[in-house]
């Protein structure tokens, strides 16, 4: 008699059973808001995960389609009364998918080569940007297929790289400590000036800033796309690099990266050599806005109060608002500068459609969410929208341009605050 192997276990069943199917997550899930399809909701996807693991549903196109369509924004976690660890379930499911599901040739190339072999490596990204510059110089964007035009529209024309010194000393007498700085992959290539502005803000707040040149990708891109072992390799490397400096904190100005950096302890919990080192590393990680508010920068920002009549709004980057639960600090910093000219953004914490590389792998849904976000921004009448993540900036800027809203500016909060201080 032939023995049938039991289904492979890839998610923690107890964690999946924490979902009581109450439906409170539905109004927070961007894809469910757009499709109304239960399979595109968090509880629906958890049901699909269990069905695949139990062998009741094959790991085929249907199941993978709905899992792929998830943005990984984790808005569901923030509202879940049962504390379901959806992000953990999603990452392990995607890890299983990448090991056992055969994707199309195009999707395989896009995910395994164009994204994973380029984005985490700044020097490769710079090379990959050369064709974009050439195409723009020839003004032939309109001749490209829609997918290529959409991808090209995300690349900023003013992409900048700024070499940061190993140590940038505090510029005030009252020292607050020695902060490590994560320069990031996308940030260092496309938003070098924003990185420099972030360091200046930290220096004004009393921090000596250390930016180790040997640091690598935080691993967020790998973790979110189901390449967990590659994410762990990034974590081990960064822990070792930053351990060489006596740091009171480690600061990051990109929300998606910050979420993963704060979860190194969880990522390496089963590695006896690295578990405690990872926990200590993650305990030091702070978002830029956390560090600035703790240092009393709101008072400094208030001294730079702008009297212009232009309204300013704020978009919550998913991985800052949901996994990190940071929504108050950035608003405090923006309000300190513009006071009564601050206006709340409707659905401010609904994903803009960027979600790391999602706008490349799922362009149709990304475009729908981009339009939803831009419509809400325009409703506010704001002339400046501030956010805290490079992907959000690229997505919102491209959306504003598409809508013809050339009078509305999207800024990283570091650039906004640095500009106010000048």
Protein backbone atom coordinates (compact mmCIF):
# COMPACT_ATOMS: atom_id res chain seq x y z
CA UNK A 1 0.00 0.00 0.00
CA UNK A 2 1.41 3.37 -1.03
CA UNK A 3 2.10 5.76 1.84
CA UNK A 4 0.85 9.32 1.30
CA UNK A 5 3.15 11.96 2.76
CA UNK A 6 1.39 14.41 5.09
CA UNK A 7 1.04 18.00 3.82
CA UNK A 8 4.03 20.23 4.50
CA UNK A 9 3.52 22.52 7.49
CA UNK A 10 4.54 26.06 6.60
CA UNK A 11 2.43 28.20 8.96
CA UNK A 12 1.90 27.99 12.72
CA UNK A 13 -1.58 26.49 12.91
CA UNK A 14 -2.29 27.96 16.34
CA UNK A 15 -1.50 31.44 15.03
CA UNK A 16 -3.89 30.95 12.12
CA UNK A 17 -6.65 29.74 14.46
CA UNK A 18 -6.40 33.00 16.42
CA UNK A 19 -8.49 34.50 13.60
CA UNK A 20 -12.13 34.28 14.76
CA UNK A 21 -13.47 35.57 11.40
CA UNK A 22 -15.14 38.57 13.06
CA UNK A 23 -14.64 40.73 9.97
CA UNK A 24 -13.31 43.83 11.75
CA UNK A 25 -10.32 43.73 9.41
CA UNK A 26 -12.41 44.07 6.25
CA UNK A 27 -12.77 47.85 6.31
CA UNK A 28 -9.01 48.21 6.79
CA UNK A 29 -7.90 45.91 3.97
CA UNK A 30 -7.11 47.91 0.80
CA UNK A 31 -7.66 45.03 -1.62
CA UNK A 32 -10.98 44.06 -0.04
CA UNK A 33 -12.10 47.69 -0.21
CA UNK A 34 -11.40 47.61 -3.94
CA UNK A 35 -12.71 44.15 -4.90
CA UNK A 36 -15.24 43.20 -2.20
CA UNK A 37 -13.98 39.64 -2.67
CA UNK A 38 -13.71 37.64 0.56
CA UNK A 39 -10.66 35.83 -0.86
CA UNK A 40 -8.93 39.23 -1.01
CA UNK A 41 -9.50 39.90 2.70
CA UNK A 42 -7.22 38.93 5.59
CA UNK A 43 -9.59 36.32 7.02
CA UNK A 44 -10.21 34.92 3.54
CA UNK A 45 -6.48 34.60 2.89
CA UNK A 46 -5.92 32.90 6.25
CA UNK A 47 -8.60 30.37 5.26
CA UNK A 48 -6.75 29.80 1.96
CA UNK A 49 -3.44 29.34 3.81
CA UNK A 50 -4.95 26.66 6.05
CA UNK A 51 -6.68 24.96 3.13
CA UNK A 52 -3.40 24.69 1.22
CA UNK A 53 -1.52 23.46 4.29
CA UNK A 54 -4.23 20.85 5.04
CA UNK A 55 -4.19 19.63 1.45
CA UNK A 56 -7.81 20.66 0.89
CA UNK A 57 -6.77 23.17 -1.79
CA UNK A 58 -3.93 22.71 -4.28
CA UNK A 59 -1.15 25.27 -4.42
CA UNK A 60 -2.34 26.48 -7.80
CA UNK A 61 -3.10 29.68 -9.64
CA UNK A 62 -6.26 30.48 -7.64
CA UNK A 63 -4.69 30.36 -4.18
CA UNK A 64 -1.48 32.07 -5.27
CA UNK A 65 -3.39 34.84 -7.06
CA UNK A 66 -5.16 35.93 -3.86
CA UNK A 67 -2.01 35.65 -1.72
CA UNK A 68 0.00 37.61 -4.30
CA UNK A 69 -2.64 40.34 -4.35
CA UNK A 70 -2.06 41.01 -0.63
CA UNK A 71 -0.04 44.19 -0.13
CA UNK A 72 1.44 42.99 3.15
CA UNK A 73 0.49 46.37 4.62
CA UNK A 74 -0.63 44.70 7.89
CA UNK A 75 -3.46 47.17 8.44
CA UNK A 76 -5.48 44.15 9.57
CA UNK A 77 -3.11 43.57 12.50
CA UNK A 78 -3.68 47.07 13.84
CA UNK A 79 -7.45 46.53 14.19
CA UNK A 80 -7.58 42.80 15.01
CA UNK A 81 -9.11 42.19 18.48
CA UNK A 82 -7.57 38.68 18.57
CA UNK A 83 -4.02 39.80 17.89
CA UNK A 84 -3.60 37.65 14.78
CA UNK A 85 0.02 37.79 13.58
CA UNK A 86 -0.98 38.08 9.95
CA UNK A 87 2.41 39.35 8.76
CA UNK A 88 4.14 36.22 10.07
CA UNK A 89 1.55 33.95 8.45
CA UNK A 90 1.87 35.79 5.15
CA UNK A 91 5.68 35.69 5.03
CA UNK A 92 5.82 31.94 5.74
CA UNK A 93 3.10 31.27 3.17
CA UNK A 94 4.99 33.24 0.55
CA UNK A 95 8.18 31.40 1.47
CA UNK A 96 6.31 28.13 0.80
CA UNK A 97 4.91 29.46 -2.49
CA UNK A 98 8.32 30.49 -3.80
CA UNK A 99 9.69 27.02 -3.04
CA UNK A 100 6.85 24.97 -4.53
CA UNK A 101 4.91 27.04 -7.10
CA UNK A 102 6.09 27.49 -10.68
CA UNK A 103 5.52 31.05 -11.85
CA UNK A 104 5.38 32.31 -15.42
CA UNK A 105 8.68 33.12 -17.09
CA UNK A 106 7.94 36.85 -16.91
CA UNK A 107 6.99 36.82 -13.21
CA UNK A 108 10.01 34.67 -12.36
CA UNK A 109 12.35 37.07 -14.15
CA UNK A 110 10.64 40.11 -12.60
CA UNK A 111 10.78 38.80 -9.03
CA UNK A 112 13.99 36.75 -8.93
CA UNK A 113 16.13 38.90 -11.24
CA UNK A 114 14.84 42.41 -12.00
CA UNK A 115 13.77 43.05 -8.38
CA UNK A 116 15.73 40.79 -6.04
CA UNK A 117 19.04 40.99 -7.91
CA UNK A 118 18.88 44.76 -8.37
CA UNK A 119 16.98 46.64 -5.63
CA UNK A 120 19.01 45.37 -2.64
CA UNK A 121 22.31 46.39 -4.28
CA UNK A 122 22.81 50.17 -4.71
CA UNK A 123 25.54 49.86 -7.36
CA UNK A 124 23.35 47.55 -9.46
CA UNK A 125 20.42 49.92 -9.09
CA UNK A 126 22.52 52.80 -10.38
CA UNK A 127 23.40 50.74 -13.46
CA UNK A 128 19.75 49.78 -13.95
CA UNK A 129 18.75 53.45 -13.95
CA UNK A 130 20.99 54.31 -16.92
CA UNK A 131 18.51 53.09 -19.58
CA UNK A 132 15.78 55.18 -17.93
CA UNK A 133 17.93 58.29 -18.22
CA UNK A 134 18.67 57.46 -21.86
CA UNK A 135 14.97 56.96 -22.70
CA UNK A 136 14.04 60.25 -21.05
CA UNK A 137 16.81 62.08 -22.88
CA UNK A 138 15.39 60.83 -26.17
CA UNK A 139 11.80 61.69 -25.12
CA UNK A 140 10.45 58.34 -26.30
CA UNK A 141 8.52 57.37 -23.15
CA UNK A 142 5.18 57.39 -25.00
CA UNK A 143 6.35 54.66 -27.36
CA UNK A 144 6.86 52.21 -24.48
CA UNK A 145 4.21 49.64 -23.45
CA UNK A 146 2.03 50.67 -20.49
CA UNK A 147 3.87 48.48 -17.98
CA UNK A 148 7.22 50.07 -18.89
CA UNK A 149 5.73 53.61 -18.87
CA UNK A 150 4.27 53.05 -15.40
CA UNK A 151 7.58 51.71 -14.08
CA UNK A 152 9.50 54.60 -15.63
CA UNK A 153 7.11 57.15 -14.11
CA UNK A 154 8.14 55.97 -10.63
CA UNK A 155 11.80 56.91 -11.11
CA UNK A 156 12.47 60.48 -9.91
CA UNK A 157 14.22 62.77 -12.36
CA UNK A 158 16.21 64.31 -9.52
CA UNK A 159 17.54 61.00 -8.15
CA UNK A 160 20.55 61.83 -6.03
CA UNK A 161 23.34 60.02 -4.23
CA UNK A 162 25.11 61.72 -1.33
CA UNK A 163 28.11 60.06 0.29
CA UNK A 164 27.68 60.16 4.05
CA UNK A 165 30.78 60.20 6.26
CA UNK A 166 31.34 57.43 8.79
CA UNK A 167 30.74 59.90 11.63
CA UNK A 168 28.69 63.11 11.47
CA UNK A 169 29.11 64.95 14.80
CA UNK A 170 26.29 66.67 16.63
CA UNK A 171 26.03 70.40 15.94
CA UNK A 172 24.73 71.37 19.40
CA UNK A 173 26.44 71.33 22.77
CA UNK A 174 23.95 69.04 24.49
CA UNK A 175 24.83 65.56 23.25
CA UNK A 176 22.10 62.90 23.32
CA UNK A 177 24.10 59.89 22.25
CA UNK A 178 25.62 58.06 19.34
CA UNK A 179 23.11 56.94 16.73
CA UNK A 180 23.73 54.49 13.93
CA UNK A 181 22.11 55.39 10.62
CA UNK A 182 20.66 52.93 8.10
CA UNK A 183 21.25 54.52 4.70
CA UNK A 184 19.06 52.00 2.83
CA UNK A 185 19.15 50.66 -0.71
CA UNK A 186 16.54 52.77 -2.49
CA UNK A 187 17.10 55.73 -0.16
CA UNK A 188 20.85 55.88 -0.81
CA UNK A 189 20.44 55.81 -4.60
CA UNK A 190 17.22 57.75 -5.24
CA UNK A 191 16.99 59.92 -2.12
CA UNK A 192 20.56 60.68 -1.12
CA UNK A 193 19.65 64.29 -0.31
CA UNK A 194 16.91 63.03 2.02
CA UNK A 195 19.45 60.85 3.83
CA UNK A 196 21.71 63.89 4.23
CA UNK A 197 18.76 65.91 5.56
CA UNK A 198 17.99 63.11 8.04
CA UNK A 199 21.54 63.16 9.37
CA UNK A 200 21.45 66.98 9.70
CA UNK A 201 18.23 66.75 11.71
CA UNK A 202 19.76 64.16 14.02
CA UNK A 203 22.91 66.29 14.42
CA UNK A 204 20.76 69.32 15.36
CA UNK A 205 18.93 67.11 17.84
CA UNK A 206 22.24 66.32 19.57
CA UNK A 207 23.20 62.97 18.05
CA UNK A 208 26.59 61.97 16.71
CA UNK A 209 25.56 59.90 13.68
CA UNK A 210 27.49 56.82 12.54
CA UNK A 211 26.81 55.49 9.01
CA UNK A 212 28.78 52.25 8.52
CA UNK A 213 29.64 51.83 4.81
CA UNK A 214 29.64 48.02 5.10
CA UNK A 215 25.91 47.82 5.89
CA UNK A 216 23.68 45.99 3.39
CA UNK A 217 19.99 45.67 2.52
CA UNK A 218 17.83 45.35 5.63
CA UNK A 219 16.17 42.26 4.15
CA UNK A 220 12.65 43.71 3.92
CA UNK A 221 12.37 43.06 0.20
CA UNK A 222 13.30 39.41 0.68
CA UNK A 223 11.10 38.88 3.74
CA UNK A 224 8.02 40.39 2.11
CA UNK A 225 8.46 38.36 -1.10
CA UNK A 226 8.92 34.99 0.59
CA UNK A 227 12.72 34.69 0.60
CA UNK A 228 13.15 34.34 4.37
CA UNK A 229 16.62 32.78 4.37
CA UNK A 230 17.98 35.65 2.27
CA UNK A 231 16.38 38.07 4.74
CA UNK A 232 18.12 36.27 7.61
CA UNK A 233 21.47 36.58 5.82
CA UNK A 234 20.96 40.35 5.56
CA UNK A 235 20.03 40.53 9.24
CA UNK A 236 23.14 38.66 10.38
CA UNK A 237 25.39 40.88 8.28
CA UNK A 238 23.88 44.15 9.54
CA UNK A 239 23.93 43.04 13.17
CA UNK A 240 27.64 42.24 12.89
CA UNK A 241 28.41 45.56 11.17
CA UNK A 242 26.57 47.78 13.66
CA UNK A 243 27.85 45.84 16.69
CA UNK A 244 31.30 47.22 15.93
CA UNK A 245 30.17 50.71 17.02
CA UNK A 246 29.00 51.75 20.47
CA UNK A 247 25.51 52.97 19.62
CA UNK A 248 22.67 54.14 21.83
CA UNK A 249 20.18 53.78 18.96
CA UNK A 250 19.93 52.80 15.30
CA UNK A 251 17.86 55.19 13.17
CA UNK A 252 16.01 54.49 9.94
CA UNK A 253 14.07 56.94 7.76
CA UNK A 254 12.22 54.35 5.61
CA UNK A 255 9.10 52.79 7.12
CA UNK A 256 9.28 49.43 5.33
CA UNK A 257 12.91 48.93 6.32
CA UNK A 258 12.21 49.98 9.90
CA UNK A 259 9.52 47.36 10.31
CA UNK A 260 11.88 44.56 9.28
CA UNK A 261 14.80 45.91 11.32
CA UNK A 262 12.62 45.93 14.42
CA UNK A 263 11.70 42.30 13.73
CA UNK A 264 15.23 40.90 13.44
CA UNK A 265 14.68 39.32 16.86
CA UNK A 266 11.71 37.39 15.50
CA UNK A 267 13.39 36.61 12.18
CA UNK A 268 16.37 34.96 13.93
CA UNK A 269 14.57 33.59 17.01
CA UNK A 270 15.37 29.98 16.08
CA UNK A 271 19.10 30.65 15.52
CA UNK A 272 20.85 30.09 18.89
CA UNK A 273 23.98 31.98 17.80
CA UNK A 274 22.11 35.08 16.64
CA UNK A 275 18.79 35.21 18.52
CA UNK A 276 19.95 37.36 21.44
CA UNK A 277 22.17 39.56 19.29
CA UNK A 278 19.20 40.14 16.98
CA UNK A 279 16.95 41.00 19.90
CA UNK A 280 19.47 43.55 21.21
CA UNK A 281 19.86 45.07 17.74
CA UNK A 282 16.10 45.42 17.20
CA UNK A 283 15.65 46.99 20.63
CA UNK A 284 17.85 49.89 19.49
CA UNK A 285 16.04 50.55 16.18
CA UNK A 286 14.00 53.75 16.02
CA UNK A 287 12.23 55.51 13.22
CA UNK A 288 13.60 58.98 12.48
CA UNK A 289 10.39 60.60 13.79
CA UNK A 290 10.66 58.68 17.07
CA UNK A 291 14.21 59.94 17.64
CA UNK A 292 13.35 63.53 16.76
CA UNK A 293 10.30 63.69 19.03
CA UNK A 294 12.20 62.08 21.92
CA UNK A 295 14.91 64.71 21.47
CA UNK A 296 12.38 67.53 21.72
CA UNK A 297 12.65 68.50 18.07
CA UNK A 298 9.00 69.56 18.00
CA UNK A 299 10.06 72.68 19.91
CA UNK A 300 12.74 73.40 17.33
CA UNK A 301 10.25 72.84 14.52
CA UNK A 302 7.77 75.22 16.14
CA UNK A 303 10.46 77.90 16.11
CA UNK A 304 10.56 77.43 12.33
CA UNK A 305 6.79 77.95 12.03
CA UNK A 306 5.79 78.73 8.48
CA UNK A 307 3.20 81.45 8.04
CA UNK A 308 2.31 80.53 4.44
CA UNK A 309 -1.33 79.73 3.75
CA UNK A 310 -0.57 76.47 1.95
CA UNK A 311 -2.25 73.47 3.57
CA UNK A 312 -0.16 70.41 4.44
CA UNK A 313 -1.40 66.84 4.87
CA UNK A 314 0.23 63.59 5.95
CA UNK A 315 0.06 60.08 4.44
CA UNK A 316 0.71 57.19 6.85
CA UNK A 317 3.23 54.77 5.37
CA UNK A 318 1.79 51.31 6.04
CA UNK A 319 4.77 49.79 7.81
CA UNK A 320 5.14 52.79 10.08
CA UNK A 321 1.47 53.03 11.04
CA UNK A 322 0.59 49.34 11.34
CA UNK A 323 3.48 47.06 12.46
CA UNK A 324 5.29 49.90 14.27
CA UNK A 325 2.13 51.72 15.47
CA UNK A 326 3.77 55.11 14.83
CA UNK A 327 1.20 57.69 13.76
CA UNK A 328 1.41 60.41 16.41
CA UNK A 329 5.08 61.45 16.17
CA UNK A 330 5.18 62.44 12.48
CA UNK A 331 2.00 64.46 12.88
CA UNK A 332 3.44 66.26 15.90
CA UNK A 333 6.49 67.25 13.88
CA UNK A 334 4.47 68.48 10.89
CA UNK A 335 1.94 70.34 13.04
CA UNK A 336 4.76 72.07 14.91
CA UNK A 337 5.83 73.66 11.62
CA UNK A 338 2.49 74.50 9.99
CA UNK A 339 0.14 74.64 13.01
CA UNK A 340 -3.37 75.43 11.79
CA UNK A 341 -2.52 74.71 8.16
CA UNK A 342 -2.37 70.97 8.82
CA UNK A 343 -5.30 69.01 7.40
CA UNK A 344 -5.98 65.30 7.94
CA UNK A 345 -5.97 63.04 4.91
CA UNK A 346 -9.06 60.82 4.43
CA UNK A 347 -8.04 57.14 4.57
CA UNK A 348 -4.54 58.28 5.49
CA UNK A 349 -3.50 54.78 6.54
CA UNK A 350 -4.89 52.98 3.47
CA UNK A 351 -2.00 51.76 1.29
CA UNK A 352 -1.07 53.91 -1.71
CA UNK A 353 -0.28 50.81 -3.79
CA UNK A 354 3.50 50.96 -3.61
CA UNK A 355 4.12 48.25 -0.99
CA UNK A 356 7.77 47.61 -1.81
CA UNK A 357 7.81 46.06 -5.28
CA UNK A 358 4.02 45.48 -5.42
CA UNK A 359 3.48 48.24 -7.97
CA UNK A 360 5.72 46.23 -10.32
CA UNK A 361 4.38 42.73 -9.63
CA UNK A 362 0.68 43.73 -9.32
CA UNK A 363 0.42 46.91 -11.43
CA UNK A 364 -3.37 46.82 -11.97
CA UNK A 365 -4.31 46.83 -8.28
CA UNK A 366 -1.44 49.23 -7.49
CA UNK A 367 -2.87 51.69 -10.02
CA UNK A 368 -6.35 51.45 -8.46
CA UNK A 369 -4.97 52.16 -5.00
CA UNK A 370 -2.78 54.95 -6.35
CA UNK A 371 -5.84 56.69 -7.81
CA UNK A 372 -7.76 56.21 -4.56
CA UNK A 373 -4.90 57.84 -2.63
CA UNK A 374 -4.48 60.75 -5.06
CA UNK A 375 -8.24 61.46 -5.06
CA UNK A 376 -8.14 61.69 -1.26
CA UNK A 377 -5.09 63.98 -1.32
CA UNK A 378 -6.76 66.34 -3.78
CA UNK A 379 -9.91 66.45 -1.61
CA UNK A 380 -7.89 68.01 1.21
CA UNK A 381 -6.83 71.01 -0.85
CA UNK A 382 -3.29 70.51 0.49
CA UNK A 383 -0.32 71.73 -1.54
CA UNK A 384 2.16 69.52 0.31
CA UNK A 385 1.74 65.87 1.27
CA UNK A 386 4.33 64.54 3.71
CA UNK A 387 5.20 60.88 4.22
CA UNK A 388 7.98 58.68 5.62
CA UNK A 389 8.78 56.02 3.04
CA UNK A 390 10.54 56.11 -0.35
CA UNK A 391 8.06 53.79 -2.05
CA UNK A 392 5.14 55.94 -0.97
CA UNK A 393 6.91 59.05 -2.27
CA UNK A 394 7.54 57.50 -5.68
CA UNK A 395 3.98 56.20 -5.95
CA UNK A 396 2.32 59.44 -4.83
CA UNK A 397 4.52 61.67 -7.00
CA UNK A 398 3.76 59.54 -10.05
CA UNK A 399 0.05 59.61 -9.21
CA UNK A 400 -0.02 63.39 -8.77
CA UNK A 401 1.69 63.83 -12.12
CA UNK A 402 -0.77 61.46 -13.78
CA UNK A 403 -3.66 63.47 -12.30
CA UNK A 404 -2.16 66.74 -13.57
CA UNK A 405 -1.77 68.01 -10.00
CA UNK A 406 1.56 69.71 -10.65
CA UNK A 407 0.94 72.26 -7.89
CA UNK A 408 0.93 69.58 -5.18
CA UNK A 409 4.30 68.52 -3.77
CA UNK A 410 5.11 65.19 -2.09
CA UNK A 411 7.94 65.36 0.45
CA UNK A 412 9.73 63.00 2.80
CA UNK A 413 9.32 64.28 6.36
CA UNK A 414 13.10 64.74 6.65
CA UNK A 415 13.13 67.09 3.65
CA UNK A 416 10.07 68.92 4.97
CA UNK A 417 11.62 69.52 8.39
CA UNK A 418 15.07 70.33 7.02
CA UNK A 419 13.57 72.86 4.63
CA UNK A 420 11.68 74.51 7.49
CA UNK A 421 14.88 74.84 9.52
CA UNK A 422 16.69 76.77 6.81
